[in-house]
Amino acid sequence: MSWIENRFEEGVIVTQMDWFLNWANKSSIWPMTFGLACCAIEMMAFGASRFDIDRFGAGAFRATPRQADLMIVAGTVTYKMASRVKRLYNQMPEPKYVMAMGACTVGGGPYFKYGYHVVKGVDMVVPVDVYVPGCPPRPEALIEGLMRLQDKIQKKTLGMPKGSKVNSKEHGLPTPTPAVV
């Protein structure tokens, strides 16, 4: 007989707080409806019933950045649109994530060499968490990117990572005196 047996009432679940919060966060991702070019059509297919992204908890596309926590940048980002992308990103609540979808969004696409109007990657404007390459990427690739984002969310921690040491001067703690042997 184990020492923990019969110590808790029936129905009590014991887990780590990090794991529980990350599970809730990854299971309720709300992407923002934001398409700039041809990749937006593949993003619409990704949200359609054939691919059923509700099973990943990401089916509620939001039309406002204040209710979304995932920005899928789908299409060519021009310098004129870059300020608007940044503004929408700043309006999103924390925690917020960005997925760069398509060759034009990731690195400028076919406009990279001769286009003067295209940003050479949306990561110059906002921090990107997941890159989905392709021209345009299929909805299956976007599902793969969503699953990689969920893996990244699940690995987050609220406190200090395991094995890290606290710098006592940084946190205002008294410096321990070395033991004399």
N, C-alpha and C. Protein backbone atom coordinates (compact mmCIF):
# COMPACT_ATOMS: atom_id res chain seq x y z
N MET A 1 0.83 -1.17 0.00
CA MET A 1 0.00 0.00 0.00
C MET A 1 0.89 1.25 0.00
N SER A 2 0.56 2.17 -0.85
CA SER A 2 1.35 3.39 -1.03
C SER A 2 1.02 4.39 0.07
N TRP A 3 1.96 5.26 0.41
CA TRP A 3 1.74 6.27 1.44
C TRP A 3 0.75 7.36 0.99
N ILE A 4 0.60 7.54 -0.33
CA ILE A 4 -0.27 8.60 -0.84
C ILE A 4 -1.72 8.12 -1.02
N GLU A 5 -1.92 6.83 -0.98
CA GLU A 5 -3.25 6.28 -1.17
C GLU A 5 -4.19 6.72 -0.06
N ASN A 6 -5.42 7.06 -0.38
CA ASN A 6 -6.46 7.50 0.54
C ASN A 6 -6.15 8.82 1.25
N ARG A 7 -5.23 9.61 0.73
CA ARG A 7 -4.92 10.90 1.33
C ARG A 7 -5.71 12.04 0.68
N PHE A 8 -6.26 11.81 -0.51
CA PHE A 8 -7.00 12.84 -1.22
C PHE A 8 -8.42 12.35 -1.44
N GLU A 9 -9.33 13.33 -1.55
CA GLU A 9 -10.71 12.98 -1.86
C GLU A 9 -10.80 12.49 -3.30
N GLU A 10 -11.87 11.78 -3.61
CA GLU A 10 -12.06 11.29 -4.96
C GLU A 10 -12.30 12.45 -5.91
N GLY A 11 -11.62 12.45 -7.04
CA GLY A 11 -11.80 13.51 -8.04
C GLY A 11 -10.76 14.62 -7.95
N VAL A 12 -9.83 14.57 -7.01
CA VAL A 12 -8.79 15.58 -6.89
C VAL A 12 -7.65 15.23 -7.84
N ILE A 13 -7.24 16.22 -8.62
CA ILE A 13 -6.12 16.00 -9.55
C ILE A 13 -4.96 16.87 -9.08
N VAL A 14 -3.78 16.27 -8.99
CA VAL A 14 -2.59 16.99 -8.60
C VAL A 14 -1.68 17.08 -9.83
N THR A 15 -1.25 18.30 -10.15
CA THR A 15 -0.38 18.51 -11.31
C THR A 15 0.48 19.73 -11.06
N GLN A 16 1.42 19.96 -11.96
CA GLN A 16 2.23 21.16 -11.87
C GLN A 16 1.44 22.33 -12.43
N MET A 17 1.58 23.50 -11.83
CA MET A 17 0.85 24.68 -12.26
C MET A 17 1.29 25.10 -13.67
N ASP A 18 2.59 25.01 -13.96
CA ASP A 18 3.08 25.34 -15.30
C ASP A 18 2.40 24.48 -16.35
N TRP A 19 2.36 23.18 -16.10
CA TRP A 19 1.79 22.26 -17.07
C TRP A 19 0.32 22.59 -17.30
N PHE A 20 -0.43 22.85 -16.25
CA PHE A 20 -1.85 23.13 -16.37
C PHE A 20 -2.11 24.44 -17.13
N LEU A 21 -1.40 25.50 -16.78
CA LEU A 21 -1.60 26.79 -17.47
C LEU A 21 -1.18 26.71 -18.93
N ASN A 22 -0.08 26.04 -19.21
CA ASN A 22 0.37 25.88 -20.61
C ASN A 22 -0.61 25.03 -21.40
N TRP A 23 -1.17 24.00 -20.78
CA TRP A 23 -2.16 23.18 -21.47
C TRP A 23 -3.39 24.01 -21.82
N ALA A 24 -3.85 24.84 -20.88
CA ALA A 24 -5.01 25.68 -21.14
C ALA A 24 -4.71 26.71 -22.23
N ASN A 25 -3.50 27.26 -22.21
CA ASN A 25 -3.11 28.26 -23.20
C ASN A 25 -2.98 27.65 -24.60
N LYS A 26 -2.38 26.49 -24.71
CA LYS A 26 -2.19 25.87 -26.03
C LYS A 26 -3.49 25.28 -26.58
N SER A 27 -4.44 25.01 -25.69
CA SER A 27 -5.69 24.41 -26.14
C SER A 27 -6.76 25.44 -26.48
N SER A 28 -6.43 26.71 -26.39
CA SER A 28 -7.40 27.75 -26.71
C SER A 28 -6.74 28.91 -27.44
N ILE A 29 -6.07 28.61 -28.54
CA ILE A 29 -5.42 29.64 -29.34
C ILE A 29 -6.47 30.29 -30.24
N TRP A 30 -6.53 31.62 -30.22
CA TRP A 30 -7.47 32.36 -31.06
C TRP A 30 -6.69 33.15 -32.08
N PRO A 31 -6.66 32.68 -33.33
CA PRO A 31 -5.93 33.42 -34.36
C PRO A 31 -6.70 34.65 -34.83
N MET A 32 -5.95 35.63 -35.31
CA MET A 32 -6.56 36.85 -35.83
C MET A 32 -6.75 36.72 -37.33
N THR A 33 -7.89 37.16 -37.82
CA THR A 33 -8.16 37.16 -39.26
C THR A 33 -7.35 38.30 -39.87
N PHE A 34 -6.25 37.94 -40.54
CA PHE A 34 -5.36 38.96 -41.06
C PHE A 34 -4.61 38.39 -42.27
N GLY A 35 -5.10 38.66 -43.46
CA GLY A 35 -4.45 38.17 -44.67
C GLY A 35 -4.04 39.32 -45.57
N LEU A 36 -2.85 39.25 -46.14
CA LEU A 36 -2.34 40.34 -46.96
C LEU A 36 -2.30 40.02 -48.45
N ALA A 37 -2.15 38.76 -48.81
CA ALA A 37 -2.01 38.41 -50.23
C ALA A 37 -2.52 36.99 -50.45
N CYS A 38 -1.95 36.32 -51.44
CA CYS A 38 -2.45 35.02 -51.88
C CYS A 38 -2.40 33.95 -50.79
N CYS A 39 -1.51 34.06 -49.83
CA CYS A 39 -1.45 33.08 -48.74
C CYS A 39 -2.71 33.10 -47.89
N ALA A 40 -3.43 34.22 -47.92
CA ALA A 40 -4.65 34.32 -47.12
C ALA A 40 -5.71 33.33 -47.58
N ILE A 41 -5.70 32.96 -48.85
CA ILE A 41 -6.68 31.98 -49.35
C ILE A 41 -6.40 30.61 -48.74
N GLU A 42 -5.12 30.26 -48.61
CA GLU A 42 -4.77 29.00 -47.95
C GLU A 42 -5.08 29.06 -46.46
N MET A 43 -4.96 30.24 -45.86
CA MET A 43 -5.32 30.39 -44.45
C MET A 43 -6.84 30.21 -44.27
N MET A 44 -7.62 30.68 -45.25
CA MET A 44 -9.07 30.48 -45.19
C MET A 44 -9.41 29.00 -45.31
N ALA A 45 -8.70 28.29 -46.17
CA ALA A 45 -8.91 26.84 -46.30
C ALA A 45 -8.53 26.13 -45.01
N PHE A 46 -7.50 26.61 -44.35
CA PHE A 46 -7.05 26.07 -43.06
C PHE A 46 -8.15 26.19 -42.01
N GLY A 47 -8.92 27.27 -42.06
CA GLY A 47 -10.00 27.48 -41.11
C GLY A 47 -11.30 26.81 -41.51
N ALA A 48 -11.37 26.20 -42.69
CA ALA A 48 -12.60 25.57 -43.16
C ALA A 48 -12.81 24.21 -42.49
N SER A 49 -13.99 23.65 -42.73
CA SER A 49 -14.37 22.41 -42.05
C SER A 49 -13.55 21.20 -42.48
N ARG A 50 -12.96 21.23 -43.65
CA ARG A 50 -12.20 20.06 -44.12
C ARG A 50 -11.02 19.74 -43.22
N PHE A 51 -10.38 20.77 -42.69
CA PHE A 51 -9.18 20.55 -41.87
C PHE A 51 -9.46 20.58 -40.37
N ASP A 52 -10.63 21.05 -39.97
CA ASP A 52 -11.12 20.95 -38.59
C ASP A 52 -10.08 21.35 -37.55
N ILE A 53 -9.71 22.62 -37.55
CA ILE A 53 -8.72 23.07 -36.57
C ILE A 53 -9.32 23.27 -35.19
N ASP A 54 -10.63 23.07 -35.06
CA ASP A 54 -11.25 23.12 -33.74
C ASP A 54 -10.70 22.01 -32.84
N ARG A 55 -10.25 20.92 -33.41
CA ARG A 55 -9.70 19.83 -32.60
C ARG A 55 -8.39 20.23 -31.94
N PHE A 56 -7.73 21.30 -32.46
CA PHE A 56 -6.52 21.82 -31.85
C PHE A 56 -6.83 23.01 -30.93
N GLY A 57 -8.08 23.41 -30.85
CA GLY A 57 -8.46 24.54 -30.02
C GLY A 57 -8.18 25.88 -30.67
N ALA A 58 -8.09 25.93 -32.00
CA ALA A 58 -7.74 27.17 -32.69
C ALA A 58 -8.79 27.57 -33.72
N GLY A 59 -10.01 27.15 -33.54
CA GLY A 59 -11.02 27.39 -34.57
C GLY A 59 -11.71 28.73 -34.49
N ALA A 60 -11.53 29.46 -33.40
CA ALA A 60 -12.24 30.73 -33.23
C ALA A 60 -11.42 31.88 -33.80
N PHE A 61 -11.51 32.10 -35.11
CA PHE A 61 -10.81 33.24 -35.72
C PHE A 61 -11.46 34.52 -35.23
N ARG A 62 -10.65 35.46 -34.79
CA ARG A 62 -11.15 36.72 -34.25
C ARG A 62 -10.88 37.83 -35.25
N ALA A 63 -11.75 38.81 -35.30
CA ALA A 63 -11.60 39.92 -36.24
C ALA A 63 -10.93 41.13 -35.59
N THR A 64 -10.64 41.07 -34.33
CA THR A 64 -10.01 42.18 -33.64
C THR A 64 -8.76 41.70 -32.91
N PRO A 65 -7.71 42.51 -32.89
CA PRO A 65 -6.49 42.07 -32.21
C PRO A 65 -6.63 42.00 -30.70
N ARG A 66 -7.60 42.67 -30.15
CA ARG A 66 -7.77 42.67 -28.69
C ARG A 66 -8.36 41.37 -28.16
N GLN A 67 -8.85 40.52 -29.04
CA GLN A 67 -9.39 39.23 -28.63
C GLN A 67 -8.56 38.07 -29.14
N ALA A 68 -7.49 38.34 -29.86
CA ALA A 68 -6.68 37.28 -30.47
C ALA A 68 -5.34 37.15 -29.75
N ASP A 69 -4.79 35.95 -29.78
CA ASP A 69 -3.45 35.76 -29.24
C ASP A 69 -2.47 35.17 -30.25
N LEU A 70 -2.91 34.93 -31.47
CA LEU A 70 -2.04 34.44 -32.54
C LEU A 70 -2.26 35.29 -33.78
N MET A 71 -1.19 35.88 -34.28
CA MET A 71 -1.26 36.62 -35.53
C MET A 71 -0.60 35.75 -36.60
N ILE A 72 -1.40 35.34 -37.59
CA ILE A 72 -0.85 34.60 -38.73
C ILE A 72 -0.66 35.62 -39.84
N VAL A 73 0.58 36.00 -40.10
CA VAL A 73 0.87 36.96 -41.15
C VAL A 73 0.95 36.16 -42.45
N ALA A 74 -0.06 36.32 -43.30
CA ALA A 74 -0.19 35.53 -44.51
C ALA A 74 -0.09 36.43 -45.73
N GLY A 75 1.08 36.48 -46.35
CA GLY A 75 1.23 37.26 -47.57
C GLY A 75 2.39 38.22 -47.53
N THR A 76 2.51 39.00 -48.60
CA THR A 76 3.61 39.93 -48.78
C THR A 76 3.43 41.14 -47.87
N VAL A 77 4.44 41.41 -47.06
CA VAL A 77 4.42 42.57 -46.18
C VAL A 77 5.21 43.68 -46.86
N THR A 78 4.53 44.76 -47.23
CA THR A 78 5.20 45.90 -47.84
C THR A 78 5.58 46.88 -46.73
N TYR A 79 6.45 47.82 -47.07
CA TYR A 79 6.85 48.82 -46.08
C TYR A 79 5.66 49.66 -45.64
N LYS A 80 4.70 49.86 -46.53
CA LYS A 80 3.51 50.62 -46.19
C LYS A 80 2.65 49.87 -45.16
N MET A 81 2.60 48.54 -45.25
CA MET A 81 1.80 47.74 -44.32
C MET A 81 2.54 47.41 -43.03
N ALA A 82 3.85 47.57 -43.01
CA ALA A 82 4.65 47.16 -41.85
C ALA A 82 4.22 47.89 -40.58
N SER A 83 3.94 49.18 -40.69
CA SER A 83 3.52 49.93 -39.50
C SER A 83 2.17 49.44 -38.99
N ARG A 84 1.29 49.03 -39.90
CA ARG A 84 -0.01 48.52 -39.48
C ARG A 84 0.11 47.15 -38.83
N VAL A 85 1.01 46.31 -39.34
CA VAL A 85 1.27 45.01 -38.73
C VAL A 85 1.78 45.21 -37.31
N LYS A 86 2.71 46.14 -37.14
CA LYS A 86 3.27 46.42 -35.81
C LYS A 86 2.20 46.96 -34.87
N ARG A 87 1.32 47.83 -35.36
CA ARG A 87 0.25 48.38 -34.53
C ARG A 87 -0.70 47.28 -34.07
N LEU A 88 -1.09 46.39 -34.99
CA LEU A 88 -1.97 45.28 -34.61
C LEU A 88 -1.30 44.36 -33.60
N TYR A 89 0.00 44.12 -33.79
CA TYR A 89 0.74 43.27 -32.85
C TYR A 89 0.75 43.90 -31.46
N ASN A 90 0.95 45.21 -31.39
CA ASN A 90 0.99 45.90 -30.10
C ASN A 90 -0.37 45.92 -29.41
N GLN A 91 -1.46 45.81 -30.16
CA GLN A 91 -2.79 45.82 -29.58
C GLN A 91 -3.21 44.46 -29.03
N MET A 92 -2.47 43.42 -29.37
CA MET A 92 -2.81 42.07 -28.89
C MET A 92 -2.42 41.93 -27.41
N PRO A 93 -3.24 41.22 -26.62
CA PRO A 93 -2.89 41.00 -25.21
C PRO A 93 -1.81 39.92 -25.07
N GLU A 94 -1.13 39.94 -23.95
CA GLU A 94 -0.12 38.92 -23.66
C GLU A 94 -0.81 37.67 -23.15
N PRO A 95 -0.32 36.49 -23.36
CA PRO A 95 0.77 36.12 -24.25
C PRO A 95 0.32 36.15 -25.70
N LYS A 96 1.20 36.60 -26.58
CA LYS A 96 0.86 36.70 -27.99
C LYS A 96 1.94 36.01 -28.82
N TYR A 97 1.51 35.46 -29.94
CA TYR A 97 2.38 34.68 -30.79
C TYR A 97 2.20 35.11 -32.24
N VAL A 98 3.26 34.93 -33.05
CA VAL A 98 3.21 35.30 -34.46
C VAL A 98 3.67 34.11 -35.28
N MET A 99 2.90 33.82 -36.35
CA MET A 99 3.27 32.78 -37.29
C MET A 99 3.45 33.44 -38.66
N ALA A 100 4.63 33.28 -39.25
CA ALA A 100 4.90 33.83 -40.57
C ALA A 100 4.59 32.74 -41.60
N MET A 101 3.65 33.05 -42.49
CA MET A 101 3.17 32.05 -43.44
C MET A 101 3.51 32.47 -44.86
N GLY A 102 4.28 31.64 -45.57
CA GLY A 102 4.58 31.88 -46.97
C GLY A 102 5.97 32.44 -47.19
N ALA A 103 6.47 32.26 -48.42
CA ALA A 103 7.82 32.69 -48.77
C ALA A 103 7.98 34.20 -48.71
N CYS A 104 6.95 34.94 -49.09
CA CYS A 104 7.05 36.40 -49.07
C CYS A 104 7.11 36.93 -47.64
N THR A 105 6.38 36.32 -46.76
CA THR A 105 6.38 36.76 -45.36
C THR A 105 7.66 36.36 -44.66
N VAL A 106 8.15 35.17 -44.93
CA VAL A 106 9.34 34.66 -44.26
C VAL A 106 10.60 35.41 -44.69
N GLY A 107 10.77 35.62 -46.01
CA GLY A 107 12.02 36.22 -46.47
C GLY A 107 11.93 37.13 -47.67
N GLY A 108 10.76 37.61 -48.00
CA GLY A 108 10.64 38.52 -49.14
C GLY A 108 10.17 37.85 -50.41
N GLY A 109 10.27 36.54 -50.50
CA GLY A 109 9.77 35.80 -51.66
C GLY A 109 10.48 36.17 -52.95
N PRO A 110 9.76 36.15 -54.08
CA PRO A 110 10.38 36.47 -55.36
C PRO A 110 10.76 37.95 -55.48
N TYR A 111 10.28 38.77 -54.55
CA TYR A 111 10.58 40.20 -54.59
C TYR A 111 11.86 40.54 -53.84
N PHE A 112 12.52 39.55 -53.29
CA PHE A 112 13.67 39.76 -52.43
C PHE A 112 14.78 40.55 -53.11
N LYS A 113 15.10 40.20 -54.34
CA LYS A 113 16.26 40.81 -54.99
C LYS A 113 15.94 42.16 -55.63
N TYR A 114 14.81 42.25 -56.33
CA TYR A 114 14.54 43.46 -57.11
C TYR A 114 13.42 44.33 -56.54
N GLY A 115 12.71 43.86 -55.56
CA GLY A 115 11.60 44.64 -55.03
C GLY A 115 12.07 45.64 -53.98
N TYR A 116 11.81 46.88 -54.18
CA TYR A 116 12.19 47.90 -53.22
C TYR A 116 11.09 48.15 -52.20
N HIS A 117 9.91 47.65 -52.43
CA HIS A 117 8.76 47.94 -51.59
C HIS A 117 8.43 46.84 -50.59
N VAL A 118 9.12 45.71 -50.63
CA VAL A 118 8.78 44.55 -49.81
C VAL A 118 9.75 44.41 -48.65
N VAL A 119 9.20 44.21 -47.45
CA VAL A 119 10.02 43.94 -46.27
C VAL A 119 10.65 42.56 -46.44
N LYS A 120 11.92 42.45 -46.17
CA LYS A 120 12.66 41.20 -46.39
C LYS A 120 12.46 40.20 -45.25
N GLY A 121 11.25 40.06 -44.83
CA GLY A 121 10.91 39.14 -43.75
C GLY A 121 10.16 39.89 -42.67
N VAL A 122 9.04 39.34 -42.22
CA VAL A 122 8.22 40.02 -41.22
C VAL A 122 8.91 40.05 -39.87
N ASP A 123 9.96 39.23 -39.68
CA ASP A 123 10.69 39.26 -38.41
C ASP A 123 11.46 40.56 -38.22
N MET A 124 11.55 41.39 -39.24
CA MET A 124 12.13 42.72 -39.09
C MET A 124 11.13 43.69 -38.46
N VAL A 125 9.85 43.30 -38.43
CA VAL A 125 8.79 44.17 -37.91
C VAL A 125 8.30 43.67 -36.55
N VAL A 126 7.98 42.39 -36.45
CA VAL A 126 7.48 41.80 -35.21
C VAL A 126 8.25 40.51 -34.94
N PRO A 127 8.37 40.10 -33.67
CA PRO A 127 9.05 38.82 -33.38
C PRO A 127 8.21 37.64 -33.83
N VAL A 128 8.83 36.72 -34.54
CA VAL A 128 8.11 35.56 -35.10
C VAL A 128 8.44 34.32 -34.28
N ASP A 129 7.41 33.53 -33.96
CA ASP A 129 7.58 32.30 -33.20
C ASP A 129 7.71 31.08 -34.11
N VAL A 130 6.92 31.03 -35.19
CA VAL A 130 6.92 29.87 -36.08
C VAL A 130 6.93 30.35 -37.52
N TYR A 131 7.80 29.74 -38.33
CA TYR A 131 7.86 30.03 -39.76
C TYR A 131 7.25 28.85 -40.52
N VAL A 132 6.35 29.15 -41.47
CA VAL A 132 5.75 28.13 -42.32
C VAL A 132 6.13 28.46 -43.76
N PRO A 133 7.11 27.76 -44.32
CA PRO A 133 7.56 28.09 -45.69
C PRO A 133 6.62 27.52 -46.74
N GLY A 134 6.78 28.03 -47.96
CA GLY A 134 5.99 27.56 -49.09
C GLY A 134 5.46 28.74 -49.88
N CYS A 135 5.01 28.46 -51.09
CA CYS A 135 4.49 29.55 -51.93
C CYS A 135 3.27 29.06 -52.70
N PRO A 136 2.10 29.21 -52.20
CA PRO A 136 1.73 29.37 -50.80
C PRO A 136 1.76 28.03 -50.09
N PRO A 137 1.96 28.03 -48.78
CA PRO A 137 1.97 26.75 -48.06
C PRO A 137 0.57 26.15 -47.99
N ARG A 138 0.51 24.86 -48.07
CA ARG A 138 -0.77 24.15 -47.99
C ARG A 138 -1.35 24.25 -46.57
N PRO A 139 -2.64 24.05 -46.41
CA PRO A 139 -3.23 24.07 -45.07
C PRO A 139 -2.62 23.02 -44.13
N GLU A 140 -2.16 21.91 -44.69
CA GLU A 140 -1.50 20.90 -43.85
C GLU A 140 -0.22 21.44 -43.23
N ALA A 141 0.51 22.27 -43.99
CA ALA A 141 1.73 22.89 -43.45
C ALA A 141 1.38 23.88 -42.34
N LEU A 142 0.28 24.57 -42.49
CA LEU A 142 -0.16 25.50 -41.45
C LEU A 142 -0.59 24.75 -40.19
N ILE A 143 -1.20 23.59 -40.36
CA ILE A 143 -1.54 22.76 -39.20
C ILE A 143 -0.27 22.30 -38.49
N GLU A 144 0.75 21.93 -39.27
CA GLU A 144 2.04 21.54 -38.69
C GLU A 144 2.65 22.71 -37.92
N GLY A 145 2.57 23.92 -38.47
CA GLY A 145 3.06 25.10 -37.77
C GLY A 145 2.30 25.36 -36.49
N LEU A 146 1.00 25.13 -36.50
CA LEU A 146 0.19 25.29 -35.29
C LEU A 146 0.60 24.28 -34.23
N MET A 147 0.88 23.05 -34.64
CA MET A 147 1.31 22.04 -33.68
C MET A 147 2.69 22.37 -33.10
N ARG A 148 3.60 22.95 -33.92
CA ARG A 148 4.90 23.36 -33.41
C ARG A 148 4.76 24.52 -32.42
N LEU A 149 3.81 25.42 -32.68
CA LEU A 149 3.54 26.51 -31.75
C LEU A 149 2.99 25.97 -30.44
N GLN A 150 2.12 24.97 -30.51
CA GLN A 150 1.59 24.37 -29.29
C GLN A 150 2.70 23.69 -28.49
N ASP A 151 3.65 23.05 -29.18
CA ASP A 151 4.79 22.46 -28.48
C ASP A 151 5.61 23.53 -27.77
N LYS A 152 5.79 24.66 -28.44
CA LYS A 152 6.55 25.76 -27.85
C LYS A 152 5.84 26.32 -26.63
N ILE A 153 4.53 26.45 -26.70
CA ILE A 153 3.74 26.96 -25.57
C ILE A 153 3.82 25.99 -24.40
N GLN A 154 3.76 24.69 -24.66
CA GLN A 154 3.77 23.69 -23.60
C GLN A 154 5.09 23.69 -22.84
N LYS A 155 6.18 24.11 -23.46
CA LYS A 155 7.49 24.08 -22.81
C LYS A 155 7.80 25.34 -22.01
N LYS A 156 6.90 26.35 -22.04
CA LYS A 156 7.15 27.58 -21.28
C LYS A 156 7.11 27.30 -19.79
N THR A 157 7.77 28.16 -19.03
CA THR A 157 7.74 28.04 -17.58
C THR A 157 7.51 29.42 -16.97
N LEU A 158 6.78 29.45 -15.88
CA LEU A 158 6.50 30.72 -15.20
C LEU A 158 7.64 31.13 -14.29
N GLY A 159 8.28 30.18 -13.68
CA GLY A 159 9.35 30.47 -12.74
C GLY A 159 10.71 30.33 -13.38
N MET A 160 11.69 30.05 -12.55
CA MET A 160 13.04 29.84 -13.04
C MET A 160 13.12 28.46 -13.68
N PRO A 161 13.83 28.34 -14.82
CA PRO A 161 13.99 27.03 -15.43
C PRO A 161 14.77 26.10 -14.50
N LYS A 162 14.50 24.81 -14.62
CA LYS A 162 15.17 23.83 -13.76
C LYS A 162 16.68 23.88 -14.00
N GLY A 163 17.44 23.87 -12.91
CA GLY A 163 18.90 23.86 -13.02
C GLY A 163 19.51 25.24 -13.10
N SER A 164 18.71 26.31 -13.16
CA SER A 164 19.29 27.65 -13.23
C SER A 164 19.56 28.16 -11.83
N LYS A 165 20.55 29.03 -11.72
CA LYS A 165 20.93 29.58 -10.43
C LYS A 165 20.50 31.03 -10.36
N VAL A 166 20.09 31.46 -9.20
CA VAL A 166 19.64 32.83 -8.99
C VAL A 166 20.85 33.69 -8.67
N ASN A 167 20.97 34.82 -9.37
CA ASN A 167 22.02 35.79 -9.07
C ASN A 167 21.52 36.64 -7.91
N SER A 168 22.15 36.51 -6.74
CA SER A 168 21.65 37.17 -5.54
C SER A 168 21.74 38.69 -5.63
N LYS A 169 22.73 39.25 -6.32
CA LYS A 169 22.85 40.70 -6.44
C LYS A 169 21.73 41.26 -7.31
N GLU A 170 21.33 40.52 -8.33
CA GLU A 170 20.27 40.96 -9.23
C GLU A 170 18.93 41.06 -8.52
N HIS A 171 18.66 40.13 -7.62
CA HIS A 171 17.36 40.05 -6.98
C HIS A 171 17.34 40.67 -5.58
N GLY A 172 18.42 41.31 -5.17
CA GLY A 172 18.46 41.98 -3.88
C GLY A 172 18.55 41.04 -2.70
N LEU A 173 19.02 39.83 -2.92
CA LEU A 173 19.14 38.87 -1.83
C LEU A 173 20.51 39.03 -1.17
N PRO A 174 20.62 38.70 0.12
CA PRO A 174 21.93 38.79 0.75
C PRO A 174 22.89 37.77 0.16
N THR A 175 24.13 38.19 -0.01
CA THR A 175 25.15 37.30 -0.55
C THR A 175 25.57 36.31 0.52
N PRO A 176 25.52 35.01 0.23
CA PRO A 176 25.91 34.03 1.24
C PRO A 176 27.43 34.07 1.48
N THR A 177 27.81 33.94 2.73
CA THR A 177 29.25 33.90 3.04
C THR A 177 29.74 32.48 2.84
N PRO A 178 30.94 32.35 2.27
CA PRO A 178 31.46 31.00 2.06
C PRO A 178 31.77 30.31 3.39
N ALA A 179 31.51 29.03 3.42
CA ALA A 179 31.76 28.25 4.63
C ALA A 179 33.26 27.98 4.77
N VAL A 180 33.76 28.12 5.97
CA VAL A 180 35.17 27.87 6.23
C VAL A 180 35.27 26.47 6.82
N VAL A 181 36.14 25.67 6.21
CA VAL A 181 36.31 24.29 6.68
C VAL A 181 37.59 24.15 7.42
